[in-house]
Amino acid sequence: MPRPGRKNTPNPMNCAEEHEPVMNRRRYQRYEVDTQLQVTMLGLEQRGTMRGRSLNISEAGIAGVFVAVWDVGTPVHLEFSVPVTSSPLRVGGVLRSHSGYRYGFEFVDLNPDQREIIN
């Protein structure tokens, strides 16, 4: 209920049309990519590799879907294909986020060739 003497201005948090999708508010533009994504966890006694599907990619990282439970901050090796090259990319990464089966990985220590291919 509006208070007397105060303007009733709309709250941007309540205006859906003013919201951009979370995917578009990030530091780097994300692009949908549907390819197999292999993740090898590092630093564990058993270095298991899990296969999942990628969702999107940016200059900074890649997101994918996995039926697994991993801890944020875990170092990983990532292997995936991109349309501009015939051989899969193998890069280092760190698990930065997860929600349900969706996991987000940040790339680490990309060499100039890898960075160029991803860009």
N, C-alpha and C. Protein backbone atom coordinates (compact mmCIF):
# COMPACT_ATOMS: atom_id res chain seq x y z
N MET A 1 0.84 -1.17 0.00
CA MET A 1 0.00 0.00 0.00
C MET A 1 0.89 1.24 0.00
N PRO A 2 0.63 2.22 -0.89
CA PRO A 2 1.46 3.41 -0.94
C PRO A 2 1.28 4.26 0.31
N ARG A 3 2.37 4.88 0.72
CA ARG A 3 2.34 5.76 1.88
C ARG A 3 1.96 7.16 1.42
N PRO A 4 1.21 7.90 2.27
CA PRO A 4 0.84 9.27 1.91
C PRO A 4 2.09 10.13 1.71
N GLY A 5 2.08 10.96 0.67
CA GLY A 5 3.19 11.87 0.41
C GLY A 5 4.35 11.23 -0.34
N ARG A 6 4.28 9.96 -0.67
CA ARG A 6 5.36 9.28 -1.41
C ARG A 6 4.86 8.90 -2.78
N LYS A 7 5.72 9.06 -3.75
CA LYS A 7 5.40 8.67 -5.12
C LYS A 7 5.38 7.15 -5.20
N ASN A 8 4.46 6.64 -5.94
CA ASN A 8 4.39 5.20 -6.15
C ASN A 8 5.13 4.86 -7.44
N THR A 9 6.44 4.67 -7.32
CA THR A 9 7.24 4.36 -8.51
C THR A 9 7.40 2.85 -8.60
N PRO A 10 7.36 2.32 -9.82
CA PRO A 10 7.50 0.88 -9.97
C PRO A 10 8.88 0.41 -9.53
N ASN A 11 8.92 -0.71 -8.91
CA ASN A 11 10.16 -1.34 -8.47
C ASN A 11 10.71 -2.15 -9.63
N PRO A 12 11.95 -1.89 -10.08
CA PRO A 12 12.49 -2.64 -11.22
C PRO A 12 12.55 -4.13 -10.94
N MET A 13 12.57 -4.52 -9.68
CA MET A 13 12.62 -5.93 -9.36
C MET A 13 11.29 -6.62 -9.71
N ASN A 14 10.23 -5.83 -9.87
CA ASN A 14 8.92 -6.40 -10.17
C ASN A 14 8.56 -6.30 -11.65
N CYS A 15 9.39 -5.67 -12.46
CA CYS A 15 9.09 -5.47 -13.87
C CYS A 15 9.87 -6.49 -14.70
N ALA A 16 9.18 -7.52 -15.13
CA ALA A 16 9.84 -8.60 -15.85
C ALA A 16 10.49 -8.11 -17.14
N GLU A 17 9.85 -7.14 -17.82
CA GLU A 17 10.41 -6.69 -19.10
C GLU A 17 11.74 -5.97 -18.93
N GLU A 18 12.04 -5.51 -17.73
CA GLU A 18 13.31 -4.81 -17.51
C GLU A 18 14.44 -5.77 -17.16
N HIS A 19 14.11 -7.03 -16.94
CA HIS A 19 15.13 -8.02 -16.60
C HIS A 19 15.72 -8.61 -17.86
N GLU A 20 17.02 -8.73 -17.87
CA GLU A 20 17.68 -9.48 -18.93
C GLU A 20 17.89 -10.88 -18.41
N PRO A 21 17.86 -11.87 -19.28
CA PRO A 21 18.17 -13.21 -18.80
C PRO A 21 19.56 -13.22 -18.17
N VAL A 22 19.73 -14.06 -17.15
CA VAL A 22 21.01 -14.14 -16.44
C VAL A 22 22.14 -14.40 -17.44
N MET A 23 21.87 -15.20 -18.47
CA MET A 23 22.89 -15.54 -19.45
C MET A 23 23.47 -14.30 -20.13
N ASN A 24 22.69 -13.22 -20.23
CA ASN A 24 23.15 -12.02 -20.95
C ASN A 24 23.75 -10.96 -20.03
N ARG A 25 23.75 -11.16 -18.73
CA ARG A 25 24.30 -10.18 -17.81
C ARG A 25 25.70 -10.55 -17.37
N ARG A 26 26.31 -11.48 -17.99
CA ARG A 26 27.63 -11.95 -17.59
C ARG A 26 28.72 -11.12 -18.23
N ARG A 27 29.92 -11.33 -17.73
CA ARG A 27 31.08 -10.59 -18.23
C ARG A 27 31.36 -10.90 -19.70
N TYR A 28 31.17 -12.15 -20.10
CA TYR A 28 31.41 -12.56 -21.48
C TYR A 28 30.12 -13.13 -22.07
N GLN A 29 29.92 -12.87 -23.34
CA GLN A 29 28.77 -13.41 -24.05
C GLN A 29 28.86 -14.93 -24.06
N ARG A 30 27.74 -15.59 -23.80
CA ARG A 30 27.70 -17.05 -23.82
C ARG A 30 27.03 -17.51 -25.11
N TYR A 31 27.50 -18.64 -25.60
CA TYR A 31 26.97 -19.21 -26.83
C TYR A 31 26.55 -20.65 -26.57
N GLU A 32 25.36 -20.99 -27.05
CA GLU A 32 24.90 -22.37 -26.89
C GLU A 32 25.80 -23.30 -27.68
N VAL A 33 26.13 -24.42 -27.06
CA VAL A 33 26.91 -25.44 -27.73
C VAL A 33 26.45 -26.79 -27.16
N ASP A 34 26.11 -27.70 -28.05
CA ASP A 34 25.64 -29.02 -27.64
C ASP A 34 26.63 -30.05 -28.13
N THR A 35 27.49 -30.47 -27.22
CA THR A 35 28.51 -31.44 -27.55
C THR A 35 28.82 -32.28 -26.31
N GLN A 36 29.48 -33.39 -26.50
CA GLN A 36 29.91 -34.17 -25.34
C GLN A 36 30.96 -33.39 -24.56
N LEU A 37 30.85 -33.42 -23.25
CA LEU A 37 31.80 -32.74 -22.37
C LEU A 37 32.30 -33.76 -21.37
N GLN A 38 33.60 -34.03 -21.40
CA GLN A 38 34.22 -34.96 -20.46
C GLN A 38 34.94 -34.17 -19.38
N VAL A 39 34.74 -34.59 -18.14
CA VAL A 39 35.37 -33.93 -17.01
C VAL A 39 36.13 -34.97 -16.21
N THR A 40 37.41 -34.69 -15.99
CA THR A 40 38.24 -35.53 -15.13
C THR A 40 38.58 -34.72 -13.89
N MET A 41 38.18 -35.23 -12.75
CA MET A 41 38.46 -34.55 -11.49
C MET A 41 39.92 -34.75 -11.13
N LEU A 42 40.57 -33.71 -10.65
CA LEU A 42 41.98 -33.78 -10.28
C LEU A 42 42.12 -33.71 -8.76
N GLY A 43 43.24 -34.20 -8.26
CA GLY A 43 43.52 -34.09 -6.85
C GLY A 43 42.86 -35.16 -6.01
N LEU A 44 42.20 -36.09 -6.62
CA LEU A 44 41.57 -37.18 -5.89
C LEU A 44 42.38 -38.45 -6.10
N GLU A 45 42.27 -39.38 -5.16
CA GLU A 45 42.98 -40.64 -5.33
C GLU A 45 42.48 -41.37 -6.57
N GLN A 46 41.16 -41.36 -6.78
CA GLN A 46 40.60 -41.97 -7.97
C GLN A 46 40.23 -40.85 -8.94
N ARG A 47 40.92 -40.80 -10.06
CA ARG A 47 40.67 -39.76 -11.05
C ARG A 47 39.65 -40.28 -12.06
N GLY A 48 38.39 -40.20 -11.70
CA GLY A 48 37.34 -40.69 -12.59
C GLY A 48 36.98 -39.65 -13.62
N THR A 49 36.63 -40.11 -14.81
CA THR A 49 36.16 -39.23 -15.87
C THR A 49 34.67 -39.44 -16.06
N MET A 50 33.93 -38.34 -16.07
CA MET A 50 32.48 -38.38 -16.30
C MET A 50 32.18 -37.74 -17.65
N ARG A 51 31.22 -38.30 -18.33
CA ARG A 51 30.76 -37.73 -19.59
C ARG A 51 29.40 -37.08 -19.36
N GLY A 52 29.25 -35.89 -19.93
CA GLY A 52 27.99 -35.16 -19.86
C GLY A 52 27.78 -34.42 -21.17
N ARG A 53 26.85 -33.47 -21.15
CA ARG A 53 26.56 -32.64 -22.32
C ARG A 53 26.81 -31.20 -21.98
N SER A 54 27.43 -30.48 -22.91
CA SER A 54 27.64 -29.05 -22.70
C SER A 54 26.34 -28.30 -22.97
N LEU A 55 26.21 -27.14 -22.32
CA LEU A 55 25.05 -26.27 -22.51
C LEU A 55 25.43 -24.99 -23.23
N ASN A 56 26.49 -24.34 -22.72
CA ASN A 56 26.95 -23.09 -23.34
C ASN A 56 28.42 -22.89 -23.03
N ILE A 57 29.02 -21.97 -23.79
CA ILE A 57 30.44 -21.69 -23.66
C ILE A 57 30.67 -20.20 -23.79
N SER A 58 31.72 -19.71 -23.12
CA SER A 58 32.14 -18.32 -23.25
C SER A 58 33.66 -18.31 -23.23
N GLU A 59 34.24 -17.12 -23.31
CA GLU A 59 35.69 -16.99 -23.22
C GLU A 59 36.20 -17.46 -21.86
N ALA A 60 35.35 -17.39 -20.85
CA ALA A 60 35.78 -17.68 -19.49
C ALA A 60 35.51 -19.10 -19.03
N GLY A 61 34.54 -19.80 -19.66
CA GLY A 61 34.23 -21.14 -19.18
C GLY A 61 33.15 -21.83 -19.97
N ILE A 62 32.73 -22.96 -19.43
CA ILE A 62 31.73 -23.79 -20.10
C ILE A 62 30.80 -24.37 -19.05
N ALA A 63 29.53 -24.56 -19.42
CA ALA A 63 28.55 -25.16 -18.52
C ALA A 63 28.07 -26.46 -19.14
N GLY A 64 27.76 -27.42 -18.29
CA GLY A 64 27.28 -28.70 -18.78
C GLY A 64 26.38 -29.39 -17.77
N VAL A 65 25.79 -30.48 -18.22
CA VAL A 65 24.87 -31.26 -17.41
C VAL A 65 25.52 -32.61 -17.13
N PHE A 66 25.54 -32.98 -15.84
CA PHE A 66 26.14 -34.23 -15.40
C PHE A 66 25.30 -34.84 -14.29
N VAL A 67 25.26 -36.17 -14.27
CA VAL A 67 24.63 -36.87 -13.16
C VAL A 67 25.76 -37.22 -12.20
N ALA A 68 26.10 -36.26 -11.35
CA ALA A 68 27.24 -36.41 -10.45
C ALA A 68 27.08 -35.43 -9.30
N VAL A 69 27.90 -35.59 -8.28
CA VAL A 69 27.95 -34.65 -7.17
C VAL A 69 29.41 -34.28 -6.97
N TRP A 70 29.73 -33.01 -7.26
CA TRP A 70 31.10 -32.52 -7.13
C TRP A 70 31.09 -31.27 -6.27
N ASP A 71 32.22 -31.01 -5.64
CA ASP A 71 32.36 -29.82 -4.80
C ASP A 71 32.87 -28.64 -5.60
N VAL A 72 32.27 -27.47 -5.36
CA VAL A 72 32.74 -26.23 -5.97
C VAL A 72 34.20 -26.02 -5.56
N GLY A 73 35.02 -25.58 -6.50
CA GLY A 73 36.44 -25.34 -6.23
C GLY A 73 37.34 -26.48 -6.66
N THR A 74 36.76 -27.59 -7.08
CA THR A 74 37.55 -28.75 -7.49
C THR A 74 38.23 -28.48 -8.83
N PRO A 75 39.55 -28.72 -8.93
CA PRO A 75 40.24 -28.58 -10.22
C PRO A 75 39.89 -29.76 -11.13
N VAL A 76 39.80 -29.47 -12.43
CA VAL A 76 39.38 -30.48 -13.40
C VAL A 76 40.18 -30.35 -14.70
N HIS A 77 40.13 -31.40 -15.49
CA HIS A 77 40.52 -31.35 -16.91
C HIS A 77 39.23 -31.47 -17.70
N LEU A 78 39.07 -30.62 -18.71
CA LEU A 78 37.87 -30.62 -19.55
C LEU A 78 38.25 -31.04 -20.96
N GLU A 79 37.39 -31.81 -21.60
CA GLU A 79 37.60 -32.16 -23.00
C GLU A 79 36.27 -32.02 -23.72
N PHE A 80 36.28 -31.25 -24.82
CA PHE A 80 35.06 -30.98 -25.57
C PHE A 80 35.43 -30.56 -26.98
N SER A 81 34.44 -30.63 -27.87
CA SER A 81 34.63 -30.21 -29.25
C SER A 81 33.93 -28.88 -29.49
N VAL A 82 34.48 -28.11 -30.42
CA VAL A 82 33.85 -26.88 -30.88
C VAL A 82 33.80 -26.94 -32.40
N PRO A 83 32.84 -26.24 -33.00
CA PRO A 83 32.65 -26.35 -34.46
C PRO A 83 33.84 -25.93 -35.32
N VAL A 84 34.75 -25.11 -34.80
CA VAL A 84 35.81 -24.56 -35.65
C VAL A 84 37.05 -25.46 -35.74
N THR A 85 37.05 -26.58 -35.06
CA THR A 85 38.20 -27.46 -35.10
C THR A 85 37.75 -28.92 -35.11
N SER A 86 38.55 -29.78 -35.75
CA SER A 86 38.16 -31.19 -35.87
C SER A 86 38.58 -32.03 -34.67
N SER A 87 39.57 -31.57 -33.93
CA SER A 87 40.00 -32.34 -32.76
C SER A 87 39.48 -31.69 -31.48
N PRO A 88 39.19 -32.49 -30.46
CA PRO A 88 38.66 -31.92 -29.22
C PRO A 88 39.68 -31.06 -28.48
N LEU A 89 39.18 -30.08 -27.77
CA LEU A 89 40.03 -29.24 -26.92
C LEU A 89 40.19 -29.93 -25.57
N ARG A 90 41.39 -29.86 -25.03
CA ARG A 90 41.67 -30.37 -23.69
C ARG A 90 42.25 -29.22 -22.89
N VAL A 91 41.50 -28.77 -21.88
CA VAL A 91 41.91 -27.59 -21.11
C VAL A 91 41.73 -27.83 -19.62
N GLY A 92 42.44 -27.04 -18.83
CA GLY A 92 42.27 -27.08 -17.38
C GLY A 92 41.11 -26.21 -16.96
N GLY A 93 40.53 -26.53 -15.82
CA GLY A 93 39.42 -25.75 -15.33
C GLY A 93 39.22 -25.93 -13.84
N VAL A 94 38.26 -25.18 -13.33
CA VAL A 94 37.86 -25.28 -11.92
C VAL A 94 36.34 -25.25 -11.89
N LEU A 95 35.75 -26.13 -11.09
CA LEU A 95 34.32 -26.13 -10.91
C LEU A 95 33.93 -24.90 -10.09
N ARG A 96 33.13 -24.00 -10.68
CA ARG A 96 32.78 -22.74 -10.03
C ARG A 96 31.35 -22.69 -9.50
N SER A 97 30.44 -23.47 -10.09
CA SER A 97 29.06 -23.42 -9.62
C SER A 97 28.33 -24.70 -10.00
N HIS A 98 27.26 -24.96 -9.26
CA HIS A 98 26.36 -26.03 -9.69
C HIS A 98 24.98 -25.80 -9.11
N SER A 99 24.00 -26.22 -9.87
CA SER A 99 22.60 -26.13 -9.47
C SER A 99 21.92 -27.36 -10.03
N GLY A 100 21.55 -28.28 -9.17
CA GLY A 100 20.99 -29.54 -9.63
C GLY A 100 22.04 -30.29 -10.42
N TYR A 101 21.71 -30.63 -11.65
CA TYR A 101 22.65 -31.36 -12.51
C TYR A 101 23.49 -30.44 -13.39
N ARG A 102 23.27 -29.13 -13.28
CA ARG A 102 24.00 -28.15 -14.12
C ARG A 102 25.25 -27.71 -13.39
N TYR A 103 26.39 -27.79 -14.08
CA TYR A 103 27.68 -27.40 -13.50
C TYR A 103 28.35 -26.35 -14.38
N GLY A 104 28.99 -25.38 -13.75
CA GLY A 104 29.72 -24.33 -14.47
C GLY A 104 31.20 -24.43 -14.17
N PHE A 105 32.01 -24.46 -15.21
CA PHE A 105 33.45 -24.60 -15.08
C PHE A 105 34.14 -23.36 -15.64
N GLU A 106 35.12 -22.85 -14.91
CA GLU A 106 35.95 -21.74 -15.38
C GLU A 106 37.22 -22.32 -16.00
N PHE A 107 37.60 -21.80 -17.17
CA PHE A 107 38.85 -22.22 -17.78
C PHE A 107 40.02 -21.62 -17.01
N VAL A 108 41.11 -22.38 -16.89
CA VAL A 108 42.33 -21.87 -16.27
C VAL A 108 43.52 -22.21 -17.16
N ASP A 109 44.47 -21.29 -17.19
CA ASP A 109 45.74 -21.49 -17.91
C ASP A 109 45.57 -21.88 -19.37
N LEU A 110 44.66 -21.20 -20.08
CA LEU A 110 44.54 -21.46 -21.51
C LEU A 110 45.77 -20.95 -22.23
N ASN A 111 46.27 -21.72 -23.18
CA ASN A 111 47.37 -21.23 -24.00
C ASN A 111 46.76 -20.36 -25.11
N PRO A 112 47.58 -19.58 -25.82
CA PRO A 112 47.04 -18.68 -26.84
C PRO A 112 46.24 -19.39 -27.93
N ASP A 113 46.64 -20.60 -28.33
CA ASP A 113 45.89 -21.34 -29.35
C ASP A 113 44.52 -21.74 -28.84
N GLN A 114 44.45 -22.24 -27.61
CA GLN A 114 43.17 -22.63 -27.03
C GLN A 114 42.25 -21.42 -26.89
N ARG A 115 42.79 -20.31 -26.43
CA ARG A 115 42.00 -19.08 -26.27
C ARG A 115 41.44 -18.63 -27.62
N GLU A 116 42.25 -18.70 -28.66
CA GLU A 116 41.81 -18.30 -30.00
C GLU A 116 40.68 -19.20 -30.51
N ILE A 117 40.81 -20.50 -30.31
CA ILE A 117 39.77 -21.44 -30.76
C ILE A 117 38.46 -21.17 -30.03
N ILE A 118 38.53 -20.96 -28.73
CA ILE A 118 37.32 -20.72 -27.94
C ILE A 118 36.68 -19.39 -28.30
N ASN A 119 37.52 -18.37 -28.54
CA ASN A 119 36.97 -17.06 -28.92
C ASN A 119 36.30 -17.16 -30.27
